[in-house]
Protein backbone atom coordinates (compact mmCIF):
# COMPACT_ATOMS: atom_id res chain seq x y z
CA MET A 1 1.84 105.43 89.75
CA MET A 2 4.89 103.32 89.15
CA LYS A 3 8.35 105.30 89.09
CA PRO A 4 10.16 106.22 86.46
CA ALA A 5 13.28 104.48 88.44
CA THR A 6 11.42 101.45 88.64
CA ALA A 7 9.68 101.63 85.17
CA THR A 8 13.31 101.55 83.80
CA VAL A 9 14.34 98.68 85.95
CA LEU A 10 11.45 96.19 84.65
CA ALA A 11 12.12 97.12 81.04
CA ALA A 12 15.86 96.00 81.59
CA PHE A 13 14.81 92.90 82.88
CA LEU A 14 12.11 92.22 80.60
CA LEU A 15 14.70 92.33 77.23
CA SER A 16 17.09 90.11 79.30
CA ALA A 17 14.33 87.58 79.74
CA GLY A 18 13.60 87.89 75.58
CA ALA A 19 17.25 87.40 74.75
CA LEU A 20 17.80 84.08 77.06
CA LEU A 21 14.84 82.36 75.72
CA SER A 22 16.16 83.67 71.97
CA ALA A 23 19.69 82.11 72.60
CA GLN A 24 17.74 78.84 74.26
CA SER A 25 15.67 78.01 71.04
CA ALA A 26 18.13 79.16 68.45
CA PRO A 27 20.59 75.56 66.84
CA PRO A 28 23.58 75.65 68.26
CA ALA A 29 26.38 77.66 65.91
CA GLN A 30 28.81 75.25 64.79
CA ALA A 31 32.60 76.43 64.90
CA PRO A 32 34.36 77.80 61.96
CA PRO A 33 36.86 74.73 61.16
CA PRO A 34 40.27 75.34 61.29
CA ALA A 35 42.62 76.47 59.44
CA GLY A 36 43.85 74.79 56.35
CA THR A 37 40.66 71.93 56.76
CA ALA A 38 38.27 72.06 53.66
CA ALA A 39 35.05 72.46 54.74
CA PRO A 40 32.53 69.59 54.72
CA LYS A 41 30.65 69.20 52.03
CA PRO A 42 26.70 69.91 52.39
CA GLN A 43 25.09 66.16 52.93
CA ALA A 44 22.25 65.05 50.47
CA PRO A 45 18.98 65.06 51.64
CA PRO A 46 18.11 60.98 51.93
CA GLN A 47 16.61 59.06 49.10
CA ALA A 48 13.74 56.85 49.78
CA PRO A 49 15.19 52.90 49.29
CA PRO A 50 15.07 51.95 45.93
CA ARG A 51 12.14 49.56 44.72
CA ALA A 52 12.39 45.76 44.77
CA ALA A 53 13.08 44.42 40.74
CA THR A 54 9.10 43.16 39.39
CA PRO A 55 10.67 39.84 37.96
CA ALA A 56 9.61 38.90 34.22
CA THR A 57 6.04 37.67 33.35
CA PRO A 58 6.78 34.48 31.67
CA SER A 59 5.43 34.20 28.32
CA THR A 60 1.75 32.59 28.24
CA ALA A 61 2.08 31.34 24.66
CA ALA A 62 3.27 27.29 25.19
CA ALA A 63 6.62 26.66 23.92
CA ARG A 64 6.42 25.01 19.86
CA VAL A 65 7.96 21.56 19.59
CA SER A 66 7.96 19.39 16.51
CA ALA A 67 8.93 16.07 15.21
CA SER A 68 11.15 14.25 12.66
CA VAL A 69 9.19 10.62 11.11
CA MET A 70 10.75 7.85 9.65
CA VAL A 71 8.53 4.64 8.51
CA THR A 72 10.21 1.70 7.26
CA ASP A 73 9.36 -1.68 6.45
CA GLN A 74 11.35 -4.23 8.53
CA SER A 75 13.70 -4.54 5.89
CA GLY A 76 14.70 -0.80 6.70
CA ALA A 77 13.85 0.38 3.41
CA GLY A 78 11.46 3.71 3.58
CA ILE A 79 7.91 3.44 2.42
CA ALA A 80 6.46 6.60 0.99
CA ASP A 81 3.00 7.17 1.23
CA VAL A 82 1.79 6.09 4.73
CA HIS A 83 -0.61 8.24 6.09
CA VAL A 84 0.29 9.26 9.26
CA ILE A 85 -2.59 10.78 11.33
CA LEU A 86 -1.49 13.03 15.03
CA THR A 87 -3.82 13.59 17.77
CA GLY A 88 -3.08 15.17 21.24
CA PRO A 89 -2.73 18.69 22.01
CA VAL A 90 -2.39 19.88 18.38
CA ALA A 91 -4.07 17.61 15.37
CA ARG A 92 -1.68 16.75 12.26
CA GLU A 93 -1.70 14.27 9.52
CA GLY A 94 0.02 13.81 6.34
CA ALA A 95 2.33 11.46 3.75
CA THR A 96 5.29 10.10 3.94
CA ALA A 97 8.11 11.18 1.43
CA ARG A 98 9.48 8.65 -1.01
CA ASP A 99 11.98 8.08 1.08
CA GLY A 100 9.73 7.61 4.52
CA THR A 101 10.32 10.54 6.17
CA LEU A 102 7.86 13.46 7.65
CA ARG A 103 8.53 16.60 9.18
CA LEU A 104 5.40 17.30 11.88
CA GLN A 105 5.65 20.98 12.93
CA GLY A 106 4.06 23.82 14.98
CA LEU A 107 3.21 21.26 17.89
CA LYS A 108 2.64 21.89 21.50
CA ALA A 109 4.24 19.54 24.13
CA GLY A 110 2.56 16.66 25.66
CA THR A 111 1.01 13.27 24.53
CA TYR A 112 -0.12 12.29 21.33
CA ARG A 113 -1.40 9.40 19.52
CA LEU A 114 0.13 8.37 15.94
CA ARG A 115 -1.61 5.94 13.66
CA PHE A 116 0.11 4.75 10.25
CA GLU A 117 -1.90 3.81 7.68
CA SER A 118 -1.09 1.90 3.87
CA PRO A 119 -2.44 -0.29 1.56
CA ASP A 120 0.23 -2.39 1.89
CA PHE A 121 0.93 -3.09 5.60
CA VAL A 122 -0.53 -3.75 8.61
CA THR A 123 -2.06 -0.15 10.15
CA LEU A 124 0.15 0.97 13.48
CA GLU A 125 -0.92 3.07 15.88
CA ARG A 126 2.14 4.18 18.73
CA GLU A 127 1.72 6.88 21.73
CA VAL A 128 4.85 9.13 22.70
CA THR A 129 5.65 12.24 24.78
CA LEU A 130 6.77 15.45 22.66
CA LYS A 131 9.07 17.94 24.62
CA ALA A 132 10.50 21.41 23.85
CA GLY A 133 13.80 21.42 22.99
CA PRO A 134 15.04 19.67 19.93
CA ALA A 135 13.20 17.97 17.14
CA ALA A 136 12.12 14.60 18.66
CA GLU A 137 13.05 11.71 16.15
CA ILE A 138 10.23 9.16 16.09
CA ASP A 139 10.86 5.73 13.97
CA VAL A 140 7.99 3.23 13.30
CA ALA A 141 8.46 -0.28 11.45
CA LEU A 142 5.76 -1.55 9.57
CA ASP A 143 4.69 -5.06 8.95
CA ARG A 144 3.49 -5.97 5.34
CA ALA A 145 0.08 -7.19 5.28
CA ALA A 146 -1.20 -10.26 3.90
CA PRO A 147 -2.25 -10.71 0.27
CA ARG A 148 -5.71 -9.74 -0.22
CA PRO A 149 -7.92 -13.15 -2.30
CA LYS A 150 -8.20 -12.01 -5.39
CA ALA A 151 -11.94 -11.14 -6.89
CA PRO A 152 -13.39 -14.28 -8.10
CA GLN A 153 -13.15 -14.64 -12.24
CA PRO A 154 -16.36 -14.44 -14.13
CA GLU A 155 -16.98 -17.77 -15.91
CA PRO A 156 -15.91 -17.54 -19.06
CA ALA A 157 -18.92 -17.95 -21.85
CA PRO A 158 -19.56 -21.29 -23.09
CA ALA A 159 -18.56 -21.62 -26.92
CA PRO A 160 -20.72 -21.38 -29.82
CA THR A 161 -22.51 -23.87 -31.14
CA MET A 162 -21.64 -23.08 -34.97
CA GLY A 163 -25.36 -22.60 -35.26
CA ARG A 164 -26.14 -26.55 -33.67
CA ALA A 165 -28.39 -26.87 -31.48
CA PRO A 166 -27.59 -28.39 -28.12
CA VAL A 167 -28.34 -32.08 -28.55
CA ALA A 168 -31.56 -33.63 -26.47
CA VAL A 169 -30.54 -36.81 -23.41
CA ASP A 170 -32.14 -39.61 -24.87
CA PRO A 171 -33.69 -42.02 -21.76
CA ASN A 172 -34.08 -44.92 -24.21
CA ALA A 173 -30.33 -45.17 -25.24
CA SER A 174 -28.19 -48.04 -24.93
CA VAL A 175 -24.66 -48.91 -25.17
CA GLU A 176 -23.42 -51.07 -27.76
CA LEU A 177 -20.11 -52.95 -28.55
CA VAL A 178 -18.18 -53.35 -31.34
CA PRO A 179 -15.44 -56.30 -30.95
CA LEU A 180 -13.60 -54.61 -33.87
CA PRO A 181 -10.88 -57.17 -34.49
CA ASP A 182 -13.47 -59.76 -35.67
CA TRP A 183 -15.22 -57.44 -37.18
CA ILE A 184 -12.28 -56.29 -39.39
CA GLU A 185 -11.67 -59.55 -40.02
CA LYS A 186 -15.30 -60.85 -41.32
CA ASN A 187 -14.77 -56.71 -43.58
CA LEU A 188 -11.39 -56.58 -45.10
CA ILE A 189 -10.98 -54.94 -47.79
CA GLY A 190 -10.71 -56.94 -51.07
CA ARG A 191 -7.45 -56.81 -53.46
CA SER A 192 -9.31 -55.38 -56.08
CA ASP A 193 -10.77 -52.31 -53.74
CA PRO A 194 -8.58 -49.26 -53.53
CA VAL A 195 -10.24 -48.13 -50.02
CA LYS A 196 -13.35 -49.54 -48.25
CA GLU A 197 -14.87 -47.08 -45.41
CA THR A 198 -17.62 -48.88 -42.71
CA GLN A 199 -19.93 -47.45 -40.44
CA VAL A 200 -19.40 -49.26 -36.80
CA GLY A 201 -21.09 -46.47 -34.74
CA LYS A 202 -23.01 -43.32 -34.50
CA THR A 203 -24.17 -41.14 -31.56
CA PRO A 204 -26.05 -37.72 -33.07
CA VAL A 205 -22.87 -35.74 -33.06
CA THR A 206 -20.22 -38.73 -33.67
CA THR A 207 -19.55 -40.89 -36.19
CA ALA A 208 -16.94 -43.99 -35.80
CA THR A 209 -15.82 -45.52 -39.62
CA VAL A 210 -13.65 -48.17 -40.28
CA VAL A 211 -11.02 -46.70 -42.99
CA GLN A 212 -9.11 -49.65 -44.59
CA VAL A 213 -6.74 -48.36 -47.50
CA ARG A 214 -5.12 -50.02 -50.43
CA GLU A 215 -4.74 -46.94 -52.72
CA PRO A 216 -3.51 -43.54 -51.43
CA LEU A 217 -6.85 -41.66 -49.75
CA LYS A 218 -6.36 -38.07 -51.41
CA ASP A 219 -7.73 -34.57 -50.40
CA ARG A 220 -10.00 -35.57 -47.67
CA VAL A 221 -11.17 -32.68 -45.77
CA ARG A 222 -13.89 -31.85 -43.22
CA GLY A 223 -15.24 -28.48 -43.17
CA ASP A 224 -17.36 -29.01 -40.85
CA ALA A 225 -16.02 -31.23 -37.79
CA ASP A 226 -13.03 -32.96 -36.33
CA GLU A 227 -11.67 -36.20 -36.98
CA MET A 228 -9.15 -38.51 -35.45
CA LEU A 229 -7.54 -41.22 -37.05
CA TYR A 230 -6.60 -44.51 -34.49
CA VAL A 231 -4.63 -46.64 -36.66
CA ILE A 232 -5.22 -50.91 -36.09
CA ALA A 233 -3.15 -52.43 -38.20
CA GLY A 234 -0.72 -51.74 -41.28
CA GLU A 235 1.30 -49.17 -41.89
CA GLY A 236 1.48 -45.95 -43.25
CA VAL A 237 1.91 -42.25 -44.41
CA LEU A 238 -0.49 -39.17 -43.43
CA HIS A 239 0.51 -35.98 -46.12
CA ALA A 240 -0.75 -32.86 -44.40
CA LYS A 241 0.51 -29.31 -44.60
CA GLY A 242 4.07 -30.24 -46.10
CA ARG A 243 4.07 -32.58 -43.45
CA ASP A 244 4.36 -36.12 -43.07
CA LEU A 245 3.56 -38.33 -40.51
CA VAL A 246 4.60 -41.86 -40.51
CA LEU A 247 1.80 -44.25 -39.18
CA ASP A 248 1.84 -47.31 -37.58
CA ALA A 249 -0.49 -49.83 -35.13
CA GLY A 250 -1.48 -47.58 -32.14
CA SER A 251 -0.79 -44.23 -33.81
CA LEU A 252 -3.57 -41.27 -33.04
CA VAL A 253 -3.90 -38.77 -35.58
CA VAL A 254 -6.13 -35.44 -34.66
CA VAL A 255 -7.04 -33.55 -37.71
CA PRO A 256 -8.39 -30.18 -37.29
CA ARG A 257 -11.64 -29.15 -39.60
CA GLY A 258 -10.43 -27.64 -42.80
CA VAL A 259 -7.66 -29.20 -42.76
CA THR A 260 -6.73 -31.14 -45.68
CA TYR A 261 -4.87 -34.43 -46.11
CA THR A 262 -3.46 -37.29 -48.14
CA LEU A 263 -3.75 -40.95 -46.71
CA GLU A 264 -1.71 -44.02 -47.86
CA ARG A 265 -0.49 -47.37 -47.30
CA ARG A 266 3.16 -48.66 -46.67
CA GLY A 267 4.53 -52.20 -47.10
CA ARG A 268 1.83 -55.24 -48.53
CA ASN A 269 -1.19 -55.53 -46.20
CA PRO A 270 -3.34 -52.56 -46.06
CA LEU A 271 -3.55 -49.52 -43.82
CA ILE A 272 -6.79 -49.86 -41.23
CA ALA A 273 -7.88 -47.17 -38.95
CA LEU A 274 -10.90 -46.51 -37.10
CA SER A 275 -11.74 -42.69 -38.02
CA ILE A 276 -13.69 -40.82 -35.54
CA VAL A 277 -15.52 -37.41 -36.93
CA GLY A 278 -17.29 -35.25 -34.28
CA LYS A 279 -19.60 -31.87 -35.25
């Protein structure tokens, strides 16, 4: 059994050892600041480093571009109503205004094919590349197309025959010669005869007559045929529709059907003419 004195010594030793261990484990006490010196501010707890800024995500929509088109002829004048067709990343079409301009909007950057059509000009195609930014200016000059050939005109209908049937070809017909100077000399009008008319040639539609005039041949008219008068000899005057036509050898007068005329001689000799009437 331990003695009281020994127990007392052991307890004091244990208390000293515990105090020593507590002093070693406790944090060292900070010395108070000298007089007149401000106490240091408590330090804030360290913060996490700032995160790097996330780069902005570019827009997924492609940049929109536009084009200004000017279409002229070779002289520089604007051409209206030219059909413009644009194909590529975006398809567009339209017609030029009166001054030859056209605005194409809402396009995407890229390579396009332009086609210009007009009925009066040669069709033209052009390739262009459009980029984002100000409107692209596209100037085009067209060549005028060659004139189109005219459509064949229908042949005019044959003139009416006035109710007369076409004349058939006579395979037995022959050519006849009448020497008029000799014939007239043998058949000259008598001095007492006012007018003498003698037929010298005839076909189914034409009649040739020698007309010799001493006295006026008044108010002569043919309602169904035209007449031509060729003066062979003598001098005279033909009165028709208020006009007086002076005749001499070599004169030719055409009298349409239905026209009334008067034929008279001038001078001493009779007026001799060849009358050809065609129906």
